[in-house]
Amino acid sequence: MKLLRHSLLGLGLLCSALAIREALRYGREWLTVDSCLDSGGSFDYSRMACDHAVNHPFVSYGYRHPESSWVCVAAILFGISTALISHRLSRNAQKPN
């Protein structure tokens, strides 16, 4: 029983790490684009670089990284379900027989 709870805790931490990685990836890219736009440039998403000479079209994050939102949602849902199962196992282990 203890091994199962520790395994679930490890999976929950892994899911949290995946969600945090995706959030950091999004935030880092958002800050890069924002600083380019603040300086008066246009962000070229195909080169991931700021361009002060040519205006480039906007390409959404979800279009450029379609797997990112699915990874984040799956990690959060799996992490929550793991936490709930672990909590239930913990409560059942504490009940006297």
PDB file of N, CA and C in Angstrom:
ATOM      1  N   MET A   1       0.826  -1.194   0.000  1.00  0.00           N
ATOM      2  CA  MET A   1       0.000   0.000   0.000  1.00  0.00           C
ATOM      3  C   MET A   1       0.868   1.254   0.000  1.00  0.00           C
ATOM      4  N   LYS A   2       1.944   1.221   0.789  1.00  0.00           N
ATOM      5  CA  LYS A   2       2.817   2.370   0.875  1.00  0.00           C
ATOM      6  C   LYS A   2       3.532   2.619  -0.453  1.00  0.00           C
ATOM      7  N   LEU A   3       3.923   1.537  -1.125  1.00  0.00           N
ATOM      8  CA  LEU A   3       4.586   1.656  -2.420  1.00  0.00           C
ATOM      9  C   LEU A   3       3.642   2.285  -3.442  1.00  0.00           C
ATOM     10  N   LEU A   4       2.379   1.905  -3.419  1.00  0.00           N
ATOM     11  CA  LEU A   4       1.398   2.459  -4.335  1.00  0.00           C
ATOM     12  C   LEU A   4       1.219   3.959  -4.099  1.00  0.00           C
ATOM     13  N   ARG A   5       1.135   4.348  -2.838  1.00  0.00           N
ATOM     14  CA  ARG A   5       0.989   5.775  -2.530  1.00  0.00           C
ATOM     15  C   ARG A   5       2.208   6.561  -2.969  1.00  0.00           C
ATOM     16  N   HIS A   6       3.415   6.011  -2.766  1.00  0.00           N
ATOM     17  CA  HIS A   6       4.625   6.700  -3.197  1.00  0.00           C
ATOM     18  C   HIS A   6       4.702   6.769  -4.719  1.00  0.00           C
ATOM     19  N   SER A   7       4.261   5.725  -5.396  1.00  0.00           N
ATOM     20  CA  SER A   7       4.238   5.734  -6.860  1.00  0.00           C
ATOM     21  C   SER A   7       3.265   6.794  -7.373  1.00  0.00           C
ATOM     22  N   LEU A   8       2.099   6.873  -6.735  1.00  0.00           N
ATOM     23  CA  LEU A   8       1.124   7.887  -7.133  1.00  0.00           C
ATOM     24  C   LEU A   8       1.645   9.291  -6.864  1.00  0.00           C
ATOM     25  N   LEU A   9       2.332   9.467  -5.767  1.00  0.00           N
ATOM     26  CA  LEU A   9       2.933  10.768  -5.471  1.00  0.00           C
ATOM     27  C   LEU A   9       3.972  11.129  -6.524  1.00  0.00           C
ATOM     28  N   GLY A  10       4.783  10.162  -6.906  1.00  0.00           N
ATOM     29  CA  GLY A  10       5.783  10.401  -7.951  1.00  0.00           C
ATOM     30  C   GLY A  10       5.137  10.770  -9.276  1.00  0.00           C
ATOM     31  N   LEU A  11       4.052  10.077  -9.642  1.00  0.00           N
ATOM     32  CA  LEU A  11       3.345  10.412 -10.876  1.00  0.00           C
ATOM     33  C   LEU A  11       2.717  11.794 -10.799  1.00  0.00           C
ATOM     34  N   GLY A  12       2.194  12.131  -9.642  1.00  0.00           N
ATOM     35  CA  GLY A  12       1.625  13.465  -9.458  1.00  0.00           C
ATOM     36  C   GLY A  12       2.671  14.555  -9.605  1.00  0.00           C
ATOM     37  N   LEU A  13       3.856  14.318  -9.049  1.00  0.00           N
ATOM     38  CA  LEU A  13       4.942  15.296  -9.186  1.00  0.00           C
ATOM     39  C   LEU A  13       5.410  15.407 -10.636  1.00  0.00           C
ATOM     40  N   LEU A  14       5.449  14.289 -11.335  1.00  0.00           N
ATOM     41  CA  LEU A  14       5.822  14.304 -12.746  1.00  0.00           C
ATOM     42  C   LEU A  14       4.810  15.104 -13.564  1.00  0.00           C
ATOM     43  N   CYS A  15       3.536  14.903 -13.273  1.00  0.00           N
ATOM     44  CA  CYS A  15       2.499  15.658 -13.971  1.00  0.00           C
ATOM     45  C   CYS A  15       2.613  17.149 -13.684  1.00  0.00           C
ATOM     46  N   SER A  16       2.901  17.492 -12.446  1.00  0.00           N
ATOM     47  CA  SER A  16       3.084  18.894 -12.083  1.00  0.00           C
ATOM     48  C   SER A  16       4.275  19.491 -12.822  1.00  0.00           C
ATOM     49  N   ALA A  17       5.344  18.726 -12.915  1.00  0.00           N
ATOM     50  CA  ALA A  17       6.537  19.205 -13.619  1.00  0.00           C
ATOM     51  C   ALA A  17       6.238  19.439 -15.097  1.00  0.00           C
ATOM     52  N   LEU A  18       5.467  18.547 -15.716  1.00  0.00           N
ATOM     53  CA  LEU A  18       5.103  18.735 -17.125  1.00  0.00           C
ATOM     54  C   LEU A  18       4.255  19.989 -17.318  1.00  0.00           C
ATOM     55  N   ALA A  19       3.293  20.196 -16.448  1.00  0.00           N
ATOM     56  CA  ALA A  19       2.440  21.385 -16.549  1.00  0.00           C
ATOM     57  C   ALA A  19       3.258  22.657 -16.341  1.00  0.00           C
ATOM     58  N   ILE A  20       4.177  22.641 -15.393  1.00  0.00           N
ATOM     59  CA  ILE A  20       5.024  23.810 -15.136  1.00  0.00           C
ATOM     60  C   ILE A  20       5.942  24.067 -16.324  1.00  0.00           C
ATOM     61  N   ARG A  21       6.481  23.000 -16.923  1.00  0.00           N
ATOM     62  CA  ARG A  21       7.357  23.164 -18.096  1.00  0.00           C
ATOM     63  C   ARG A  21       6.605  23.838 -19.240  1.00  0.00           C
ATOM     64  N   GLU A  22       5.370  23.404 -19.476  1.00  0.00           N
ATOM     65  CA  GLU A  22       4.580  23.999 -20.554  1.00  0.00           C
ATOM     66  C   GLU A  22       4.239  25.462 -20.243  1.00  0.00           C
ATOM     67  N   ALA A  23       3.938  25.759 -18.992  1.00  0.00           N
ATOM     68  CA  ALA A  23       3.630  27.138 -18.607  1.00  0.00           C
ATOM     69  C   ALA A  23       4.859  28.033 -18.777  1.00  0.00           C
ATOM     70  N   LEU A  24       6.031  27.536 -18.412  1.00  0.00           N
ATOM     71  CA  LEU A  24       7.257  28.313 -18.586  1.00  0.00           C
ATOM     72  C   LEU A  24       7.579  28.526 -20.060  1.00  0.00           C
ATOM     73  N   ARG A  25       7.349  27.506 -20.864  1.00  0.00           N
ATOM     74  CA  ARG A  25       7.582  27.612 -22.311  1.00  0.00           C
ATOM     75  C   ARG A  25       6.679  28.701 -22.910  1.00  0.00           C
ATOM     76  N   TYR A  26       5.409  28.676 -22.526  1.00  0.00           N
ATOM     77  CA  TYR A  26       4.467  29.687 -23.008  1.00  0.00           C
ATOM     78  C   TYR A  26       4.880  31.083 -22.527  1.00  0.00           C
ATOM     79  N   GLY A  27       5.196  31.201 -21.252  1.00  0.00           N
ATOM     80  CA  GLY A  27       5.562  32.501 -20.684  1.00  0.00           C
ATOM     81  C   GLY A  27       6.816  33.086 -21.305  1.00  0.00           C
ATOM     82  N   ARG A  28       7.805  32.247 -21.524  1.00  0.00           N
ATOM     83  CA  ARG A  28       9.056  32.717 -22.129  1.00  0.00           C
ATOM     84  C   ARG A  28       8.793  33.244 -23.544  1.00  0.00           C
ATOM     85  N   GLU A  29       7.987  32.508 -24.312  1.00  0.00           N
ATOM     86  CA  GLU A  29       7.681  32.944 -25.671  1.00  0.00           C
ATOM     87  C   GLU A  29       6.839  34.216 -25.665  1.00  0.00           C
ATOM     88  N   TRP A  30       5.880  34.289 -24.749  1.00  0.00           N
ATOM     89  CA  TRP A  30       5.036  35.473 -24.657  1.00  0.00           C
ATOM     90  C   TRP A  30       5.864  36.714 -24.341  1.00  0.00           C
ATOM     91  N   LEU A  31       6.810  36.583 -23.409  1.00  0.00           N
ATOM     92  CA  LEU A  31       7.664  37.722 -23.062  1.00  0.00           C
ATOM     93  C   LEU A  31       8.545  38.150 -24.232  1.00  0.00           C
ATOM     94  N   THR A  32       9.030  37.199 -25.009  1.00  0.00           N
ATOM     95  CA  THR A  32       9.856  37.516 -26.175  1.00  0.00           C
ATOM     96  C   THR A  32       9.052  38.304 -27.202  1.00  0.00           C
ATOM     97  N   VAL A  33       7.840  37.842 -27.500  1.00  0.00           N
ATOM     98  CA  VAL A  33       6.981  38.533 -28.467  1.00  0.00           C
ATOM     99  C   VAL A  33       6.592  39.905 -27.931  1.00  0.00           C
ATOM    100  N   ASP A  34       6.231  39.988 -26.663  1.00  0.00           N
ATOM    101  CA  ASP A  34       5.809  41.247 -26.063  1.00  0.00           C
ATOM    102  C   ASP A  34       6.924  42.288 -26.089  1.00  0.00           C
ATOM    103  N   SER A  35       8.136  41.882 -25.775  1.00  0.00           N
ATOM    104  CA  SER A  35       9.245  42.848 -25.786  1.00  0.00           C
ATOM    105  C   SER A  35       9.529  43.336 -27.210  1.00  0.00           C
ATOM    106  N   CYS A  36       9.347  42.457 -28.203  1.00  0.00           N
ATOM    107  CA  CYS A  36       9.515  42.866 -29.594  1.00  0.00           C
ATOM    108  C   CYS A  36       8.460  43.903 -29.975  1.00  0.00           C
ATOM    109  N   LEU A  37       7.214  43.633 -29.635  1.00  0.00           N
ATOM    110  CA  LEU A  37       6.143  44.569 -29.968  1.00  0.00           C
ATOM    111  C   LEU A  37       6.300  45.893 -29.220  1.00  0.00           C
ATOM    112  N   ASP A  38       6.755  45.837 -27.979  1.00  0.00           N
ATOM    113  CA  ASP A  38       6.981  47.061 -27.202  1.00  0.00           C
ATOM    114  C   ASP A  38       8.074  47.930 -27.817  1.00  0.00           C
ATOM    115  N   SER A  39       9.039  47.302 -28.483  1.00  0.00           N
ATOM    116  CA  SER A  39      10.132  48.072 -29.097  1.00  0.00           C
ATOM    117  C   SER A  39       9.746  48.595 -30.480  1.00  0.00           C
ATOM    118  N   GLY A  40       8.514  48.315 -30.925  1.00  0.00           N
ATOM    119  CA  GLY A  40       8.047  48.829 -32.206  1.00  0.00           C
ATOM    120  C   GLY A  40       8.252  47.872 -33.362  1.00  0.00           C
ATOM    121  N   GLY A  41       8.672  46.674 -33.088  1.00  0.00           N
ATOM    122  CA  GLY A  41       8.914  45.699 -34.142  1.00  0.00           C
ATOM    123  C   GLY A  41       7.714  44.809 -34.394  1.00  0.00           C
ATOM    124  N   SER A  42       7.900  43.916 -35.334  1.00  0.00           N
ATOM    125  CA  SER A  42       6.903  42.904 -35.654  1.00  0.00           C
ATOM    126  C   SER A  42       7.569  41.556 -35.456  1.00  0.00           C
ATOM    127  N   PHE A  43       6.882  40.645 -34.792  1.00  0.00           N
ATOM    128  CA  PHE A  43       7.501  39.357 -34.490  1.00  0.00           C
ATOM    129  C   PHE A  43       7.285  38.383 -35.641  1.00  0.00           C
ATOM    130  N   ASP A  44       8.379  37.822 -36.139  1.00  0.00           N
ATOM    131  CA  ASP A  44       8.328  36.817 -37.208  1.00  0.00           C
ATOM    132  C   ASP A  44       8.298  35.436 -36.555  1.00  0.00           C
ATOM    133  N   TYR A  45       7.126  34.820 -36.550  1.00  0.00           N
ATOM    134  CA  TYR A  45       6.964  33.540 -35.870  1.00  0.00           C
ATOM    135  C   TYR A  45       7.656  32.394 -36.598  1.00  0.00           C
ATOM    136  N   SER A  46       7.885  32.520 -37.887  1.00  0.00           N
ATOM    137  CA  SER A  46       8.575  31.447 -38.611  1.00  0.00           C
ATOM    138  C   SER A  46      10.056  31.389 -38.243  1.00  0.00           C
ATOM    139  N   ARG A  47      10.646  32.548 -37.939  1.00  0.00           N
ATOM    140  CA  ARG A  47      12.059  32.580 -37.516  1.00  0.00           C
ATOM    141  C   ARG A  47      12.209  32.763 -36.007  1.00  0.00           C
ATOM    142  N   MET A  48      11.089  33.044 -35.322  1.00  0.00           N
ATOM    143  CA  MET A  48      11.092  33.340 -33.884  1.00  0.00           C
ATOM    144  C   MET A  48      12.069  34.469 -33.586  1.00  0.00           C
ATOM    145  N   ALA A  49      11.936  35.553 -34.352  1.00  0.00           N
ATOM    146  CA  ALA A  49      12.835  36.698 -34.207  1.00  0.00           C
ATOM    147  C   ALA A  49      12.044  37.991 -34.411  1.00  0.00           C
ATOM    148  N   CYS A  50      12.536  39.057 -33.815  1.00  0.00           N
ATOM    149  CA  CYS A  50      11.934  40.373 -33.954  1.00  0.00           C
ATOM    150  C   CYS A  50      12.424  41.003 -35.260  1.00  0.00           C
ATOM    151  N   ASP A  51      11.508  41.641 -35.982  1.00  0.00           N
ATOM    152  CA  ASP A  51      11.838  42.267 -37.253  1.00  0.00           C
ATOM    153  C   ASP A  51      11.310  43.692 -37.222  1.00  0.00           C
ATOM    154  N   HIS A  52      12.202  44.660 -37.419  1.00  0.00           N
ATOM    155  CA  HIS A  52      11.803  46.071 -37.394  1.00  0.00           C
ATOM    156  C   HIS A  52      11.558  46.618 -38.793  1.00  0.00           C
ATOM    157  N   ALA A  53      11.752  45.793 -39.828  1.00  0.00           N
ATOM    158  CA  ALA A  53      11.596  46.270 -41.201  1.00  0.00           C
ATOM    159  C   ALA A  53      10.283  45.825 -41.838  1.00  0.00           C
ATOM    160  N   VAL A  54       9.849  44.607 -41.589  1.00  0.00           N
ATOM    161  CA  VAL A  54       8.675  44.029 -42.263  1.00  0.00           C
ATOM    162  C   VAL A  54       7.625  43.665 -41.230  1.00  0.00           C
ATOM    163  N   ASN A  55       6.358  43.890 -41.602  1.00  0.00           N
ATOM    164  CA  ASN A  55       5.248  43.515 -40.734  1.00  0.00           C
ATOM    165  C   ASN A  55       4.870  42.056 -41.010  1.00  0.00           C
ATOM    166  N   HIS A  56       4.752  41.253 -39.953  1.00  0.00           N
ATOM    167  CA  HIS A  56       4.450  39.832 -40.086  1.00  0.00           C
ATOM    168  C   HIS A  56       3.085  39.520 -39.483  1.00  0.00           C
ATOM    169  N   PRO A  57       2.384  38.505 -40.017  1.00  0.00           N
ATOM    170  CA  PRO A  57       1.064  38.145 -39.466  1.00  0.00           C
ATOM    171  C   PRO A  57       1.196  37.435 -38.124  1.00  0.00           C
ATOM    172  N   PHE A  58       0.134  37.556 -37.339  1.00  0.00           N
ATOM    173  CA  PHE A  58       0.086  36.880 -36.047  1.00  0.00           C
ATOM    174  C   PHE A  58      -0.210  35.398 -36.260  1.00  0.00           C
ATOM    175  N   VAL A  59       0.523  34.548 -35.554  1.00  0.00           N
ATOM    176  CA  VAL A  59       0.282  33.107 -35.575  1.00  0.00           C
ATOM    177  C   VAL A  59       0.098  32.679 -34.123  1.00  0.00           C
ATOM    178  N   SER A  60      -1.069  32.151 -33.800  1.00  0.00           N
ATOM    179  CA  SER A  60      -1.376  31.849 -32.402  1.00  0.00           C
ATOM    180  C   SER A  60      -0.467  30.747 -31.844  1.00  0.00           C
ATOM    181  N   TYR A  61      -0.313  30.785 -30.534  1.00  0.00           N
ATOM    182  CA  TYR A  61       0.526  29.793 -29.852  1.00  0.00           C
ATOM    183  C   TYR A  61      -0.025  28.380 -30.043  1.00  0.00           C
ATOM    184  N   GLY A  62      -1.337  28.242 -29.967  1.00  0.00           N
ATOM    185  CA  GLY A  62      -1.965  26.942 -30.147  1.00  0.00           C
ATOM    186  C   GLY A  62      -1.755  26.369 -31.540  1.00  0.00           C
ATOM    187  N   TYR A  63      -1.663  27.227 -32.529  1.00  0.00           N
ATOM    188  CA  TYR A  63      -1.411  26.773 -33.900  1.00  0.00           C
ATOM    189  C   TYR A  63       0.043  26.342 -34.068  1.00  0.00           C
ATOM    190  N   ARG A  64       0.948  27.085 -33.436  1.00  0.00           N
ATOM    191  CA  ARG A  64       2.383  26.775 -33.545  1.00  0.00           C
ATOM    192  C   ARG A  64       2.784  25.585 -32.692  1.00  0.00           C
ATOM    193  N   HIS A  65       2.109  25.394 -31.568  1.00  0.00           N
ATOM    194  CA  HIS A  65       2.427  24.302 -30.635  1.00  0.00           C
ATOM    195  C   HIS A  65       1.143  23.571 -30.251  1.00  0.00           C
ATOM    196  N   PRO A  66       0.551  22.815 -31.175  1.00  0.00           N
ATOM    197  CA  PRO A  66      -0.743  22.178 -30.859  1.00  0.00           C
ATOM    198  C   PRO A  66      -0.652  21.143 -29.747  1.00  0.00           C
ATOM    199  N   GLU A  67       0.501  20.545 -29.561  1.00  0.00           N
ATOM    200  CA  GLU A  67       0.643  19.515 -28.521  1.00  0.00           C
ATOM    201  C   GLU A  67       0.733  20.118 -27.122  1.00  0.00           C
ATOM    202  N   SER A  68       1.118  21.355 -27.045  1.00  0.00           N
ATOM    203  CA  SER A  68       1.364  21.986 -25.746  1.00  0.00           C
ATOM    204  C   SER A  68       0.117  22.043 -24.872  1.00  0.00           C
ATOM    205  N   SER A  69      -0.996  22.469 -25.434  1.00  0.00           N
ATOM    206  CA  SER A  69      -2.201  22.585 -24.618  1.00  0.00           C
ATOM    207  C   SER A  69      -2.706  21.212 -24.190  1.00  0.00           C
ATOM    208  N   TRP A  70      -2.566  20.206 -25.066  1.00  0.00           N
ATOM    209  CA  TRP A  70      -3.006  18.857 -24.711  1.00  0.00           C
ATOM    210  C   TRP A  70      -2.131  18.260 -23.616  1.00  0.00           C
ATOM    211  N   VAL A  71      -0.834  18.500 -23.705  1.00  0.00           N
ATOM    212  CA  VAL A  71       0.084  18.000 -22.676  1.00  0.00           C
ATOM    213  C   VAL A  71      -0.257  18.632 -21.331  1.00  0.00           C
ATOM    214  N   CYS A  72      -0.491  19.932 -21.335  1.00  0.00           N
ATOM    215  CA  CYS A  72      -0.786  20.642 -20.091  1.00  0.00           C
ATOM    216  C   CYS A  72      -2.118  20.181 -19.489  1.00  0.00           C
ATOM    217  N   VAL A  73      -3.156  20.075 -20.302  1.00  0.00           N
ATOM    218  CA  VAL A  73      -4.463  19.639 -19.799  1.00  0.00           C
ATOM    219  C   VAL A  73      -4.386  18.202 -19.283  1.00  0.00           C
ATOM    220  N   ALA A  74      -3.738  17.328 -20.047  1.00  0.00           N
ATOM    221  CA  ALA A  74      -3.616  15.925 -19.622  1.00  0.00           C
ATOM    222  C   ALA A  74      -2.819  15.809 -18.329  1.00  0.00           C
ATOM    223  N   ALA A  75      -1.740  16.577 -18.218  1.00  0.00           N
ATOM    224  CA  ALA A  75      -0.925  16.531 -17.000  1.00  0.00           C
ATOM    225  C   ALA A  75      -1.710  17.019 -15.793  1.00  0.00           C
ATOM    226  N   ILE A  76      -2.476  18.078 -15.960  1.00  0.00           N
ATOM    227  CA  ILE A  76      -3.262  18.610 -14.845  1.00  0.00           C
ATOM    228  C   ILE A  76      -4.348  17.614 -14.432  1.00  0.00           C
ATOM    229  N   LEU A  77      -5.080  17.083 -15.406  1.00  0.00           N
ATOM    230  CA  LEU A  77      -6.146  16.122 -15.080  1.00  0.00           C
ATOM    231  C   LEU A  77      -5.592  14.849 -14.447  1.00  0.00           C
ATOM    232  N   PHE A  78      -4.500  14.338 -15.003  1.00  0.00           N
ATOM    233  CA  PHE A  78      -3.903  13.139 -14.446  1.00  0.00           C
ATOM    234  C   PHE A  78      -3.346  13.425 -13.051  1.00  0.00           C
ATOM    235  N   GLY A  79      -2.766  14.595 -12.868  1.00  0.00           N
ATOM    236  CA  GLY A  79      -2.243  14.965 -11.552  1.00  0.00           C
ATOM    237  C   GLY A  79      -3.337  15.072 -10.510  1.00  0.00           C
ATOM    238  N   ILE A  80      -4.469  15.667 -10.881  1.00  0.00           N
ATOM    239  CA  ILE A  80      -5.590  15.789  -9.943  1.00  0.00           C
ATOM    240  C   ILE A  80      -6.150  14.416  -9.601  1.00  0.00           C
ATOM    241  N   SER A  81      -6.333  13.568 -10.619  1.00  0.00           N
ATOM    242  CA  SER A  81      -6.872  12.238 -10.334  1.00  0.00           C
ATOM    243  C   SER A  81      -5.906  11.419  -9.486  1.00  0.00           C
ATOM    244  N   THR A  82      -4.619  11.570  -9.721  1.00  0.00           N
ATOM    245  CA  THR A  82      -3.621  10.879  -8.905  1.00  0.00           C
ATOM    246  C   THR A  82      -3.674  11.356  -7.459  1.00  0.00           C
ATOM    247  N   ALA A  83      -3.815  12.663  -7.279  1.00  0.00           N
ATOM    248  CA  ALA A  83      -3.901  13.203  -5.920  1.00  0.00           C
ATOM    249  C   ALA A  83      -5.153  12.702  -5.204  1.00  0.00           C
ATOM    250  N   LEU A  84      -6.272  12.641  -5.918  1.00  0.00           N
ATOM    251  CA  LEU A  84      -7.513  12.159  -5.304  1.00  0.00           C
ATOM    252  C   LEU A  84      -7.414  10.685  -4.931  1.00  0.00           C
ATOM    253  N   ILE A  85      -6.841   9.878  -5.803  1.00  0.00           N
ATOM    254  CA  ILE A  85      -6.673   8.453  -5.498  1.00  0.00           C
ATOM    255  C   ILE A  85      -5.744   8.272  -4.312  1.00  0.00           C
ATOM    256  N   SER A  86      -4.658   9.025  -4.296  1.00  0.00           N
ATOM    257  CA  SER A  86      -3.702   8.935  -3.189  1.00  0.00           C
ATOM    258  C   SER A  86      -4.356   9.344  -1.869  1.00  0.00           C
ATOM    259  N   HIS A  87      -5.166  10.396  -1.921  1.00  0.00           N
ATOM    260  CA  HIS A  87      -5.861  10.851  -0.716  1.00  0.00           C
ATOM    261  C   HIS A  87      -6.841   9.786  -0.222  1.00  0.00           C
ATOM    262  N   ARG A  88      -7.560   9.177  -1.149  1.00  0.00           N
ATOM    263  CA  ARG A  88      -8.517   8.122  -0.783  1.00  0.00           C
ATOM    264  C   ARG A  88      -7.788   6.935  -0.161  1.00  0.00           C
ATOM    265  N   LEU A  89      -6.653   6.540  -0.748  1.00  0.00           N
ATOM    266  CA  LEU A  89      -5.871   5.431  -0.182  1.00  0.00           C
ATOM    267  C   LEU A  89      -5.361   5.775   1.213  1.00  0.00           C
ATOM    268  N   SER A  90      -4.958   7.013   1.381  1.00  0.00           N
ATOM    269  CA  SER A  90      -4.459   7.460   2.683  1.00  0.00           C
ATOM    270  C   SER A  90      -5.559   7.416   3.735  1.00  0.00           C
ATOM    271  N   ARG A  91      -6.750   7.853   3.377  1.00  0.00           N
ATOM    272  CA  ARG A  91      -7.878   7.834   4.324  1.00  0.00           C
ATOM    273  C   ARG A  91      -8.286   6.407   4.663  1.00  0.00           C
ATOM    274  N   ASN A  92      -8.281   5.529   3.659  1.00  0.00           N
ATOM    275  CA  ASN A  92      -8.655   4.126   3.897  1.00  0.00           C
ATOM    276  C   ASN A  92      -7.618   3.418   4.769  1.00  0.00           C
ATOM    277  N   ALA A  93      -6.363   3.790   4.633  1.00  0.00           N
ATOM    278  CA  ALA A  93      -5.309   3.152   5.427  1.00  0.00           C
ATOM    279  C   ALA A  93      -5.390   3.584   6.895  1.00  0.00           C
ATOM    280  N   GLN A  94      -5.953   4.763   7.155  1.00  0.00           N
ATOM    281  CA  GLN A  94      -6.025   5.271   8.527  1.00  0.00           C
ATOM    282  C   GLN A  94      -7.245   4.755   9.273  1.00  0.00           C
ATOM    283  N   LYS A  95      -8.232   4.231   8.566  1.00  0.00           N
ATOM    284  CA  LYS A  95      -9.443   3.718   9.232  1.00  0.00           C
ATOM    285  C   LYS A  95      -9.117   2.453  10.010  1.00  0.00           C
ATOM    286  N   PRO A  96      -9.616   2.371  11.237  1.00  0.00           N
ATOM    287  CA  PRO A  96      -9.401   1.128  11.995  1.00  0.00           C
ATOM    288  C   PRO A  96     -10.305   0.032  11.452  1.00  0.00           C
ATOM    289  N   ASN A  97      -9.816  -1.197  11.501  1.00  0.00           N
ATOM    290  CA  ASN A  97     -10.587  -2.337  10.988  1.00  0.00           C
ATOM    291  C   ASN A  97     -11.572  -2.850  11.986  1.00  0.00           C
TER     292      ASN A  97
END
